[in-house]
């Protein structure tokens, strides 16, 4: 009976660990201004210098000029207009909404 109990405990622990590993990427991209699903995160960045950590990569808002948002994504600098997607470092970033002082981005791993 003791070996059955240990075996069951080991299986339960393994299942909990596996579940935790699956959730780890989500926890890595969740903060006040970031909402994540299993494959992407959406962040609203408002104000010069606003930033969010998405899948371990810092995305920083640099401002908007002529309808294009400037973003720092890790070590790369990119810009995008509303509806446009760009690849930067490990992320594919879509500017889903661009206003005069904010951008909403959806990012996923490349």
PDB file of N, CA and C in Angstrom:
ATOM      1  N   UNK A   1       0.803  -1.182   0.000  1.00  0.00           N
ATOM      2  CA  UNK A   1       0.000   0.000   0.000  1.00  0.00           C
ATOM      3  C   UNK A   1       0.852   1.254   0.000  1.00  0.00           C
ATOM      4  N   UNK A   2       1.987   1.216   0.684  1.00  0.00           N
ATOM      5  CA  UNK A   2       2.865   2.365   0.775  1.00  0.00           C
ATOM      6  C   UNK A   2       3.431   2.730  -0.589  1.00  0.00           C
ATOM      7  N   UNK A   3       3.843   1.732  -1.395  1.00  0.00           N
ATOM      8  CA  UNK A   3       4.416   2.032  -2.703  1.00  0.00           C
ATOM      9  C   UNK A   3       3.361   2.626  -3.634  1.00  0.00           C
ATOM     10  N   UNK A   4       2.096   2.196  -3.519  1.00  0.00           N
ATOM     11  CA  UNK A   4       1.025   2.778  -4.325  1.00  0.00           C
ATOM     12  C   UNK A   4       0.815   4.240  -3.968  1.00  0.00           C
ATOM     13  N   UNK A   5       0.861   4.556  -2.698  1.00  0.00           N
ATOM     14  CA  UNK A   5       0.694   5.934  -2.248  1.00  0.00           C
ATOM     15  C   UNK A   5       1.832   6.815  -2.755  1.00  0.00           C
ATOM     16  N   UNK A   6       3.061   6.315  -2.681  1.00  0.00           N
ATOM     17  CA  UNK A   6       4.209   7.077  -3.178  1.00  0.00           C
ATOM     18  C   UNK A   6       4.108   7.289  -4.674  1.00  0.00           C
ATOM     19  N   UNK A   7       3.689   6.256  -5.390  1.00  0.00           N
ATOM     20  CA  UNK A   7       3.558   6.348  -6.829  1.00  0.00           C
ATOM     21  C   UNK A   7       2.508   7.398  -7.200  1.00  0.00           C
ATOM     22  N   UNK A   8       1.372   7.378  -6.510  1.00  0.00           N
ATOM     23  CA  UNK A   8       0.301   8.342  -6.764  1.00  0.00           C
ATOM     24  C   UNK A   8       0.796   9.758  -6.469  1.00  0.00           C
ATOM     25  N   UNK A   9       1.534   9.917  -5.357  1.00  0.00           N
ATOM     26  CA  UNK A   9       2.078  11.222  -4.992  1.00  0.00           C
ATOM     27  C   UNK A   9       3.064  11.704  -6.051  1.00  0.00           C
ATOM     28  N   UNK A  10       3.895  10.817  -6.550  1.00  0.00           N
ATOM     29  CA  UNK A  10       4.865  11.177  -7.582  1.00  0.00           C
ATOM     30  C   UNK A  10       4.153  11.613  -8.860  1.00  0.00           C
ATOM     31  N   UNK A  11       3.084  10.873  -9.245  1.00  0.00           N
ATOM     32  CA  UNK A  11       2.338  11.246 -10.448  1.00  0.00           C
ATOM     33  C   UNK A  11       1.669  12.593 -10.266  1.00  0.00           C
ATOM     34  N   UNK A  12       1.098  12.841  -9.091  1.00  0.00           N
ATOM     35  CA  UNK A  12       0.446  14.122  -8.812  1.00  0.00           C
ATOM     36  C   UNK A  12       1.462  15.251  -8.864  1.00  0.00           C
ATOM     37  N   UNK A  13       2.619  15.054  -8.249  1.00  0.00           N
ATOM     38  CA  UNK A  13       3.666  16.077  -8.260  1.00  0.00           C
ATOM     39  C   UNK A  13       4.142  16.343  -9.685  1.00  0.00           C
ATOM     40  N   UNK A  14       4.319  15.287 -10.465  1.00  0.00           N
ATOM     41  CA  UNK A  14       4.751  15.456 -11.854  1.00  0.00           C
ATOM     42  C   UNK A  14       3.704  16.232 -12.651  1.00  0.00           C
ATOM     43  N   UNK A  15       2.448  15.933 -12.433  1.00  0.00           N
ATOM     44  CA  UNK A  15       1.383  16.651 -13.130  1.00  0.00           C
ATOM     45  C   UNK A  15       1.345  18.120 -12.749  1.00  0.00           C
ATOM     46  N   UNK A  16       1.524  18.409 -11.469  1.00  0.00           N
ATOM     47  CA  UNK A  16       1.539  19.800 -11.026  1.00  0.00           C
ATOM     48  C   UNK A  16       2.732  20.547 -11.596  1.00  0.00           C
ATOM     49  N   UNK A  17       3.888  19.901 -11.627  1.00  0.00           N
ATOM     50  CA  UNK A  17       5.068  20.536 -12.212  1.00  0.00           C
ATOM     51  C   UNK A  17       4.875  20.794 -13.691  1.00  0.00           C
ATOM     52  N   UNK A  18       4.341  19.822 -14.399  1.00  0.00           N
ATOM     53  CA  UNK A  18       4.099  20.004 -15.827  1.00  0.00           C
ATOM     54  C   UNK A  18       3.122  21.142 -16.053  1.00  0.00           C
ATOM     55  N   UNK A  19       2.087  21.222 -15.270  1.00  0.00           N
ATOM     56  CA  UNK A  19       1.126  22.317 -15.388  1.00  0.00           C
ATOM     57  C   UNK A  19       1.780  23.652 -15.109  1.00  0.00           C
ATOM     58  N   UNK A  20       2.672  23.695 -14.143  1.00  0.00           N
ATOM     59  CA  UNK A  20       3.380  24.926 -13.826  1.00  0.00           C
ATOM     60  C   UNK A  20       4.290  25.360 -14.951  1.00  0.00           C
ATOM     61  N   UNK A  21       4.919  24.388 -15.619  1.00  0.00           N
ATOM     62  CA  UNK A  21       5.788  24.724 -16.730  1.00  0.00           C
ATOM     63  C   UNK A  21       4.998  25.267 -17.902  1.00  0.00           C
ATOM     64  N   UNK A  22       3.812  24.770 -18.121  1.00  0.00           N
ATOM     65  CA  UNK A  22       2.967  25.271 -19.193  1.00  0.00           C
ATOM     66  C   UNK A  22       2.548  26.705 -18.897  1.00  0.00           C
ATOM     67  N   UNK A  23       2.279  27.024 -17.639  1.00  0.00           N
ATOM     68  CA  UNK A  23       1.831  28.365 -17.282  1.00  0.00           C
ATOM     69  C   UNK A  23       2.967  29.367 -17.159  1.00  0.00           C
ATOM     70  N   UNK A  24       4.193  28.916 -17.057  1.00  0.00           N
ATOM     71  CA  UNK A  24       5.319  29.827 -16.859  1.00  0.00           C
ATOM     72  C   UNK A  24       5.416  30.916 -17.921  1.00  0.00           C
ATOM     73  N   UNK A  25       5.264  30.619 -19.233  1.00  0.00           N
ATOM     74  CA  UNK A  25       5.346  31.707 -20.204  1.00  0.00           C
ATOM     75  C   UNK A  25       4.256  32.755 -19.992  1.00  0.00           C
ATOM     76  N   UNK A  26       3.075  32.338 -19.554  1.00  0.00           N
ATOM     77  CA  UNK A  26       2.009  33.310 -19.317  1.00  0.00           C
ATOM     78  C   UNK A  26       2.366  34.220 -18.159  1.00  0.00           C
ATOM     79  N   UNK A  27       2.898  33.668 -17.106  1.00  0.00           N
ATOM     80  CA  UNK A  27       3.270  34.477 -15.957  1.00  0.00           C
ATOM     81  C   UNK A  27       4.368  35.458 -16.324  1.00  0.00           C
ATOM     82  N   UNK A  28       5.231  35.092 -17.256  1.00  0.00           N
ATOM     83  CA  UNK A  28       6.338  35.951 -17.648  1.00  0.00           C
ATOM     84  C   UNK A  28       5.876  37.191 -18.390  1.00  0.00           C
ATOM     85  N   UNK A  29       4.663  37.197 -18.924  1.00  0.00           N
ATOM     86  CA  UNK A  29       4.237  38.359 -19.696  1.00  0.00           C
ATOM     87  C   UNK A  29       3.050  39.072 -19.069  1.00  0.00           C
ATOM     88  N   UNK A  30       2.664  38.701 -17.896  1.00  0.00           N
ATOM     89  CA  UNK A  30       1.500  39.317 -17.293  1.00  0.00           C
ATOM     90  C   UNK A  30       1.919  40.428 -16.337  1.00  0.00           C
ATOM     91  N   UNK A  31       1.379  41.614 -16.530  1.00  0.00           N
ATOM     92  CA  UNK A  31       1.556  42.736 -15.617  1.00  0.00           C
ATOM     93  C   UNK A  31       0.327  43.620 -15.731  1.00  0.00           C
ATOM     94  N   UNK A  32       0.369  44.805 -15.154  1.00  0.00           N
ATOM     95  CA  UNK A  32      -0.813  45.664 -15.144  1.00  0.00           C
ATOM     96  C   UNK A  32      -1.304  46.019 -16.533  1.00  0.00           C
ATOM     97  N   UNK A  33      -0.397  46.264 -17.468  1.00  0.00           N
ATOM     98  CA  UNK A  33      -0.808  46.709 -18.791  1.00  0.00           C
ATOM     99  C   UNK A  33      -0.690  45.629 -19.859  1.00  0.00           C
ATOM    100  N   UNK A  34      -0.572  44.357 -19.435  1.00  0.00           N
ATOM    101  CA  UNK A  34      -0.394  43.255 -20.380  1.00  0.00           C
ATOM    102  C   UNK A  34      -1.401  42.157 -20.075  1.00  0.00           C
ATOM    103  N   UNK A  35      -2.018  41.636 -21.137  1.00  0.00           N
ATOM    104  CA  UNK A  35      -2.947  40.521 -21.008  1.00  0.00           C
ATOM    105  C   UNK A  35      -2.501  39.439 -21.987  1.00  0.00           C
ATOM    106  N   UNK A  36      -2.386  38.201 -21.505  1.00  0.00           N
ATOM    107  CA  UNK A  36      -1.837  37.137 -22.340  1.00  0.00           C
ATOM    108  C   UNK A  36      -2.795  35.963 -22.514  1.00  0.00           C
ATOM    109  N   UNK A  37      -2.684  35.328 -23.677  1.00  0.00           N
ATOM    110  CA  UNK A  37      -3.302  34.029 -23.922  1.00  0.00           C
ATOM    111  C   UNK A  37      -2.138  33.051 -24.027  1.00  0.00           C
ATOM    112  N   UNK A  38      -2.380  31.852 -24.495  1.00  0.00           N
ATOM    113  CA  UNK A  38      -1.301  30.867 -24.581  1.00  0.00           C
ATOM    114  C   UNK A  38      -0.288  31.213 -25.662  1.00  0.00           C
ATOM    115  N   UNK A  39      -0.676  31.967 -26.696  1.00  0.00           N
ATOM    116  CA  UNK A  39       0.252  32.204 -27.803  1.00  0.00           C
ATOM    117  C   UNK A  39       0.587  33.667 -28.061  1.00  0.00           C
ATOM    118  N   UNK A  40      -0.096  34.614 -27.393  1.00  0.00           N
ATOM    119  CA  UNK A  40       0.199  36.021 -27.633  1.00  0.00           C
ATOM    120  C   UNK A  40      -0.146  36.862 -26.411  1.00  0.00           C
ATOM    121  N   UNK A  41       0.396  38.070 -26.411  1.00  0.00           N
ATOM    122  CA  UNK A  41       0.109  39.036 -25.359  1.00  0.00           C
ATOM    123  C   UNK A  41      -0.300  40.353 -26.000  1.00  0.00           C
ATOM    124  N   UNK A  42      -1.226  41.053 -25.358  1.00  0.00           N
ATOM    125  CA  UNK A  42      -1.642  42.372 -25.793  1.00  0.00           C
ATOM    126  C   UNK A  42      -1.279  43.357 -24.701  1.00  0.00           C
ATOM    127  N   UNK A  43      -0.661  44.474 -25.103  1.00  0.00           N
ATOM    128  CA  UNK A  43      -0.253  45.493 -24.139  1.00  0.00           C
ATOM    129  C   UNK A  43      -0.661  46.861 -24.653  1.00  0.00           C
ATOM    130  N   UNK A  44      -1.095  47.716 -23.750  1.00  0.00           N
ATOM    131  CA  UNK A  44      -1.357  49.107 -24.080  1.00  0.00           C
ATOM    132  C   UNK A  44      -0.264  49.932 -23.426  1.00  0.00           C
ATOM    133  N   UNK A  45       0.480  50.664 -24.255  1.00  0.00           N
ATOM    134  CA  UNK A  45       1.567  51.504 -23.776  1.00  0.00           C
ATOM    135  C   UNK A  45       1.187  52.952 -24.022  1.00  0.00           C
ATOM    136  N   UNK A  46       1.143  53.726 -22.959  1.00  0.00           N
ATOM    137  CA  UNK A  46       0.693  55.113 -23.037  1.00  0.00           C
ATOM    138  C   UNK A  46       1.717  56.017 -22.376  1.00  0.00           C
ATOM    139  N   UNK A  47       2.148  57.021 -23.075  1.00  0.00           N
ATOM    140  CA  UNK A  47       3.127  57.954 -22.537  1.00  0.00           C
ATOM    141  C   UNK A  47       4.534  57.559 -22.921  1.00  0.00           C
ATOM    142  N   UNK A  48       5.347  58.544 -23.234  1.00  0.00           N
ATOM    143  CA  UNK A  48       6.719  58.308 -23.659  1.00  0.00           C
ATOM    144  C   UNK A  48       7.483  57.508 -22.609  1.00  0.00           C
ATOM    145  N   UNK A  49       8.132  56.437 -23.035  1.00  0.00           N
ATOM    146  CA  UNK A  49       8.918  55.607 -22.128  1.00  0.00           C
ATOM    147  C   UNK A  49       8.149  54.482 -21.455  1.00  0.00           C
ATOM    148  N   UNK A  50       6.834  54.398 -21.681  1.00  0.00           N
ATOM    149  CA  UNK A  50       6.051  53.298 -21.098  1.00  0.00           C
ATOM    150  C   UNK A  50       6.595  51.982 -21.637  1.00  0.00           C
ATOM    151  N   UNK A  51       6.595  50.948 -20.792  1.00  0.00           N
ATOM    152  CA  UNK A  51       7.136  49.672 -21.247  1.00  0.00           C
ATOM    153  C   UNK A  51       6.373  48.509 -20.631  1.00  0.00           C
ATOM    154  N   UNK A  52       6.568  47.347 -21.243  1.00  0.00           N
ATOM    155  CA  UNK A  52       5.978  46.108 -20.755  1.00  0.00           C
ATOM    156  C   UNK A  52       6.950  44.985 -21.066  1.00  0.00           C
ATOM    157  N   UNK A  53       6.934  43.959 -20.242  1.00  0.00           N
ATOM    158  CA  UNK A  53       7.752  42.768 -20.471  1.00  0.00           C
ATOM    159  C   UNK A  53       6.835  41.706 -21.077  1.00  0.00           C
ATOM    160  N   UNK A  54       7.148  41.284 -22.287  1.00  0.00           N
ATOM    161  CA  UNK A  54       6.330  40.301 -23.007  1.00  0.00           C
ATOM    162  C   UNK A  54       7.215  39.131 -23.410  1.00  0.00           C
ATOM    163  N   UNK A  55       6.896  37.940 -22.942  1.00  0.00           N
ATOM    164  CA  UNK A  55       7.676  36.734 -23.224  1.00  0.00           C
ATOM    165  C   UNK A  55       9.164  36.980 -22.968  1.00  0.00           C
ATOM    166  N   UNK A  56       9.462  37.682 -21.888  1.00  0.00           N
ATOM    167  CA  UNK A  56      10.841  37.926 -21.490  1.00  0.00           C
ATOM    168  C   UNK A  56      11.536  39.045 -22.237  1.00  0.00           C
ATOM    169  N   UNK A  57      10.845  39.721 -23.138  1.00  0.00           N
ATOM    170  CA  UNK A  57      11.425  40.813 -23.921  1.00  0.00           C
ATOM    171  C   UNK A  57      10.749  42.125 -23.532  1.00  0.00           C
ATOM    172  N   UNK A  58      11.544  43.162 -23.291  1.00  0.00           N
ATOM    173  CA  UNK A  58      10.988  44.466 -22.955  1.00  0.00           C
ATOM    174  C   UNK A  58      10.549  45.180 -24.230  1.00  0.00           C
ATOM    175  N   UNK A  59       9.294  45.645 -24.226  1.00  0.00           N
ATOM    176  CA  UNK A  59       8.745  46.442 -25.319  1.00  0.00           C
ATOM    177  C   UNK A  59       8.517  47.837 -24.755  1.00  0.00           C
ATOM    178  N   UNK A  60       9.154  48.844 -25.366  1.00  0.00           N
ATOM    179  CA  UNK A  60       9.096  50.209 -24.857  1.00  0.00           C
ATOM    180  C   UNK A  60       8.510  51.142 -25.913  1.00  0.00           C
ATOM    181  N   UNK A  61       7.623  52.019 -25.470  1.00  0.00           N
ATOM    182  CA  UNK A  61       6.952  52.984 -26.341  1.00  0.00           C
ATOM    183  C   UNK A  61       7.797  54.241 -26.445  1.00  0.00           C
ATOM    184  N   UNK A  62       8.103  54.644 -27.673  1.00  0.00           N
ATOM    185  CA  UNK A  62       8.915  55.836 -27.895  1.00  0.00           C
ATOM    186  C   UNK A  62       8.134  57.040 -28.376  1.00  0.00           C
ATOM    187  N   UNK A  63       6.856  56.841 -28.691  1.00  0.00           N
ATOM    188  CA  UNK A  63       6.037  57.958 -29.153  1.00  0.00           C
ATOM    189  C   UNK A  63       5.398  57.664 -30.494  1.00  0.00           C
ATOM    190  N   UNK A  64       4.611  58.636 -30.975  1.00  0.00           N
ATOM    191  CA  UNK A  64       3.921  58.501 -32.254  1.00  0.00           C
ATOM    192  C   UNK A  64       4.240  59.733 -33.103  1.00  0.00           C
ATOM    193  N   UNK A  65       4.584  59.474 -34.354  1.00  0.00           N
ATOM    194  CA  UNK A  65       4.817  60.556 -35.306  1.00  0.00           C
ATOM    195  C   UNK A  65       4.227  60.146 -36.639  1.00  0.00           C
ATOM    196  N   UNK A  66       3.416  61.020 -37.203  1.00  0.00           N
ATOM    197  CA  UNK A  66       2.770  60.764 -38.493  1.00  0.00           C
ATOM    198  C   UNK A  66       2.010  59.442 -38.510  1.00  0.00           C
ATOM    199  N   UNK A  67       1.353  59.102 -37.392  1.00  0.00           N
ATOM    200  CA  UNK A  67       0.538  57.902 -37.312  1.00  0.00           C
ATOM    201  C   UNK A  67       1.309  56.614 -37.119  1.00  0.00           C
ATOM    202  N   UNK A  68       2.624  56.722 -36.909  1.00  0.00           N
ATOM    203  CA  UNK A  68       3.459  55.539 -36.701  1.00  0.00           C
ATOM    204  C   UNK A  68       3.998  55.545 -35.286  1.00  0.00           C
ATOM    205  N   UNK A  69       3.844  54.408 -34.592  1.00  0.00           N
ATOM    206  CA  UNK A  69       4.364  54.257 -33.239  1.00  0.00           C
ATOM    207  C   UNK A  69       5.804  53.770 -33.321  1.00  0.00           C
ATOM    208  N   UNK A  70       6.661  54.361 -32.525  1.00  0.00           N
ATOM    209  CA  UNK A  70       8.040  53.921 -32.413  1.00  0.00           C
ATOM    210  C   UNK A  70       8.156  53.051 -31.179  1.00  0.00           C
ATOM    211  N   UNK A  71       8.739  51.871 -31.354  1.00  0.00           N
ATOM    212  CA  UNK A  71       8.870  50.903 -30.270  1.00  0.00           C
ATOM    213  C   UNK A  71      10.304  50.415 -30.164  1.00  0.00           C
ATOM    214  N   UNK A  72      10.753  50.223 -28.948  1.00  0.00           N
ATOM    215  CA  UNK A  72      11.973  49.496 -28.697  1.00  0.00           C
ATOM    216  C   UNK A  72      11.562  48.089 -28.294  1.00  0.00           C
ATOM    217  N   UNK A  73      12.039  47.108 -29.005  1.00  0.00           N
ATOM    218  CA  UNK A  73      11.713  45.708 -28.718  1.00  0.00           C
ATOM    219  C   UNK A  73      13.028  44.991 -28.473  1.00  0.00           C
ATOM    220  N   UNK A  74      13.336  44.776 -27.194  1.00  0.00           N
ATOM    221  CA  UNK A  74      14.651  44.240 -26.864  1.00  0.00           C
ATOM    222  C   UNK A  74      15.704  45.237 -27.305  1.00  0.00           C
ATOM    223  N   UNK A  75      16.638  44.799 -28.155  1.00  0.00           N
ATOM    224  CA  UNK A  75      17.702  45.665 -28.662  1.00  0.00           C
ATOM    225  C   UNK A  75      17.341  46.345 -29.979  1.00  0.00           C
ATOM    226  N   UNK A  76      16.175  46.052 -30.534  1.00  0.00           N
ATOM    227  CA  UNK A  76      15.781  46.596 -31.836  1.00  0.00           C
ATOM    228  C   UNK A  76      14.850  47.792 -31.671  1.00  0.00           C
ATOM    229  N   UNK A  77      14.922  48.711 -32.622  1.00  0.00           N
ATOM    230  CA  UNK A  77      13.979  49.825 -32.700  1.00  0.00           C
ATOM    231  C   UNK A  77      13.172  49.658 -33.972  1.00  0.00           C
ATOM    232  N   UNK A  78      11.845  49.702 -33.843  1.00  0.00           N
ATOM    233  CA  UNK A  78      10.958  49.522 -34.985  1.00  0.00           C
ATOM    234  C   UNK A  78       9.851  50.563 -34.921  1.00  0.00           C
ATOM    235  N   UNK A  79       9.142  50.704 -36.026  1.00  0.00           N
ATOM    236  CA  UNK A  79       7.949  51.553 -36.017  1.00  0.00           C
ATOM    237  C   UNK A  79       6.871  50.845 -36.809  1.00  0.00           C
ATOM    238  N   UNK A  80       5.607  51.131 -36.442  1.00  0.00           N
ATOM    239  CA  UNK A  80       4.499  50.519 -37.161  1.00  0.00           C
ATOM    240  C   UNK A  80       3.276  51.420 -37.096  1.00  0.00           C
ATOM    241  N   UNK A  81       2.482  51.351 -38.145  1.00  0.00           N
ATOM    242  CA  UNK A  81       1.210  52.051 -38.206  1.00  0.00           C
ATOM    243  C   UNK A  81       0.122  51.093 -37.736  1.00  0.00           C
ATOM    244  N   UNK A  82      -1.057  51.631 -37.464  1.00  0.00           N
ATOM    245  CA  UNK A  82      -2.175  50.796 -37.023  1.00  0.00           C
ATOM    246  C   UNK A  82      -2.431  49.678 -38.022  1.00  0.00           C
ATOM    247  N   UNK A  83      -2.492  48.431 -37.508  1.00  0.00           N
ATOM    248  CA  UNK A  83      -2.748  47.269 -38.340  1.00  0.00           C
ATOM    249  C   UNK A  83      -1.506  46.637 -38.948  1.00  0.00           C
ATOM    250  N   UNK A  84      -0.367  47.279 -38.808  1.00  0.00           N
ATOM    251  CA  UNK A  84       0.878  46.780 -39.388  1.00  0.00           C
ATOM    252  C   UNK A  84       1.614  45.867 -38.414  1.00  0.00           C
ATOM    253  N   UNK A  85       2.260  44.826 -38.948  1.00  0.00           N
ATOM    254  CA  UNK A  85       3.054  43.892 -38.145  1.00  0.00           C
ATOM    255  C   UNK A  85       4.525  44.038 -38.500  1.00  0.00           C
ATOM    256  N   UNK A  86       5.374  43.901 -37.481  1.00  0.00           N
ATOM    257  CA  UNK A  86       6.819  43.942 -37.686  1.00  0.00           C
ATOM    258  C   UNK A  86       7.459  42.830 -36.867  1.00  0.00           C
ATOM    259  N   UNK A  87       8.584  42.325 -37.344  1.00  0.00           N
ATOM    260  CA  UNK A  87       9.348  41.335 -36.591  1.00  0.00           C
ATOM    261  C   UNK A  87      10.493  42.076 -35.916  1.00  0.00           C
ATOM    262  N   UNK A  88      10.687  41.798 -34.639  1.00  0.00           N
ATOM    263  CA  UNK A  88      11.774  42.433 -33.892  1.00  0.00           C
ATOM    264  C   UNK A  88      12.289  41.455 -32.860  1.00  0.00           C
ATOM    265  N   UNK A  89      13.536  41.062 -32.993  1.00  0.00           N
ATOM    266  CA  UNK A  89      14.107  40.099 -32.059  1.00  0.00           C
ATOM    267  C   UNK A  89      13.273  38.831 -32.044  1.00  0.00           C
ATOM    268  N   UNK A  90      12.928  38.352 -30.851  1.00  0.00           N
ATOM    269  CA  UNK A  90      12.172  37.105 -30.758  1.00  0.00           C
ATOM    270  C   UNK A  90      10.666  37.286 -30.956  1.00  0.00           C
ATOM    271  N   UNK A  91      10.203  38.531 -31.141  1.00  0.00           N
ATOM    272  CA  UNK A  91       8.768  38.796 -31.204  1.00  0.00           C
ATOM    273  C   UNK A  91       8.297  39.241 -32.583  1.00  0.00           C
ATOM    274  N   UNK A  92       7.067  38.901 -32.876  1.00  0.00           N
ATOM    275  CA  UNK A  92       6.322  39.474 -33.985  1.00  0.00           C
ATOM    276  C   UNK A  92       5.307  40.406 -33.337  1.00  0.00           C
ATOM    277  N   UNK A  93       5.346  41.694 -33.688  1.00  0.00           N
ATOM    278  CA  UNK A  93       4.530  42.707 -33.026  1.00  0.00           C
ATOM    279  C   UNK A  93       3.566  43.327 -34.033  1.00  0.00           C
ATOM    280  N   UNK A  94       2.285  43.394 -33.671  1.00  0.00           N
ATOM    281  CA  UNK A  94       1.276  44.070 -34.477  1.00  0.00           C
ATOM    282  C   UNK A  94       0.771  45.270 -33.701  1.00  0.00           C
ATOM    283  N   UNK A  95       0.786  46.436 -34.333  1.00  0.00           N
ATOM    284  CA  UNK A  95       0.216  47.640 -33.723  1.00  0.00           C
ATOM    285  C   UNK A  95      -1.286  47.609 -34.015  1.00  0.00           C
ATOM    286  N   UNK A  96      -2.066  47.183 -33.049  1.00  0.00           N
ATOM    287  CA  UNK A  96      -3.501  47.031 -33.266  1.00  0.00           C
ATOM    288  C   UNK A  96      -4.244  48.353 -33.159  1.00  0.00           C
ATOM    289  N   UNK A  97      -3.676  49.312 -32.422  1.00  0.00           N
ATOM    290  CA  UNK A  97      -4.283  50.638 -32.301  1.00  0.00           C
ATOM    291  C   UNK A  97      -3.173  51.651 -32.049  1.00  0.00           C
ATOM    292  N   UNK A  98      -3.210  52.764 -32.782  1.00  0.00           N
ATOM    293  CA  UNK A  98      -2.225  53.825 -32.592  1.00  0.00           C
ATOM    294  C   UNK A  98      -2.986  55.144 -32.459  1.00  0.00           C
ATOM    295  N   UNK A  99      -2.773  55.839 -31.339  1.00  0.00           N
ATOM    296  CA  UNK A  99      -3.345  57.169 -31.134  1.00  0.00           C
ATOM    297  C   UNK A  99      -2.186  58.154 -30.963  1.00  0.00           C
ATOM    298  N   UNK A 100      -2.499  59.413 -30.699  1.00  0.00           N
ATOM    299  CA  UNK A 100      -1.451  60.428 -30.571  1.00  0.00           C
ATOM    300  C   UNK A 100      -0.457  60.144 -29.451  1.00  0.00           C
ATOM    301  N   UNK A 101      -0.909  59.488 -28.364  1.00  0.00           N
ATOM    302  CA  UNK A 101      -0.019  59.289 -27.218  1.00  0.00           C
ATOM    303  C   UNK A 101      -0.025  57.864 -26.665  1.00  0.00           C
ATOM    304  N   UNK A 102      -0.510  56.896 -27.450  1.00  0.00           N
ATOM    305  CA  UNK A 102      -0.559  55.518 -26.972  1.00  0.00           C
ATOM    306  C   UNK A 102      -0.550  54.545 -28.143  1.00  0.00           C
ATOM    307  N   UNK A 103      -0.159  53.324 -27.830  1.00  0.00           N
ATOM    308  CA  UNK A 103      -0.212  52.251 -28.804  1.00  0.00           C
ATOM    309  C   UNK A 103      -0.660  50.985 -28.108  1.00  0.00           C
ATOM    310  N   UNK A 104      -1.493  50.217 -28.786  1.00  0.00           N
ATOM    311  CA  UNK A 104      -1.848  48.882 -28.310  1.00  0.00           C
ATOM    312  C   UNK A 104      -1.164  47.910 -29.250  1.00  0.00           C
ATOM    313  N   UNK A 105      -0.381  47.003 -28.668  1.00  0.00           N
ATOM    314  CA  UNK A 105       0.343  46.023 -29.472  1.00  0.00           C
ATOM    315  C   UNK A 105      -0.087  44.620 -29.092  1.00  0.00           C
ATOM    316  N   UNK A 106      -0.065  43.746 -30.070  1.00  0.00           N
ATOM    317  CA  UNK A 106      -0.233  42.320 -29.829  1.00  0.00           C
ATOM    318  C   UNK A 106       1.067  41.666 -30.266  1.00  0.00           C
ATOM    319  N   UNK A 107       1.670  40.895 -29.380  1.00  0.00           N
ATOM    320  CA  UNK A 107       2.961  40.286 -29.684  1.00  0.00           C
ATOM    321  C   UNK A 107       2.905  38.783 -29.482  1.00  0.00           C
ATOM    322  N   UNK A 108       3.631  38.081 -30.334  1.00  0.00           N
ATOM    323  CA  UNK A 108       3.774  36.640 -30.200  1.00  0.00           C
ATOM    324  C   UNK A 108       5.226  36.292 -30.505  1.00  0.00           C
ATOM    325  N   UNK A 109       5.629  35.100 -30.101  1.00  0.00           N
ATOM    326  CA  UNK A 109       6.985  34.665 -30.365  1.00  0.00           C
ATOM    327  C   UNK A 109       7.132  34.318 -31.848  1.00  0.00           C
ATOM    328  N   UNK A 110       8.262  34.705 -32.429  1.00  0.00           N
ATOM    329  CA  UNK A 110       8.551  34.374 -33.839  1.00  0.00           C
ATOM    330  C   UNK A 110       8.748  32.889 -33.996  1.00  0.00           C
TER     331      UNK A 110
END
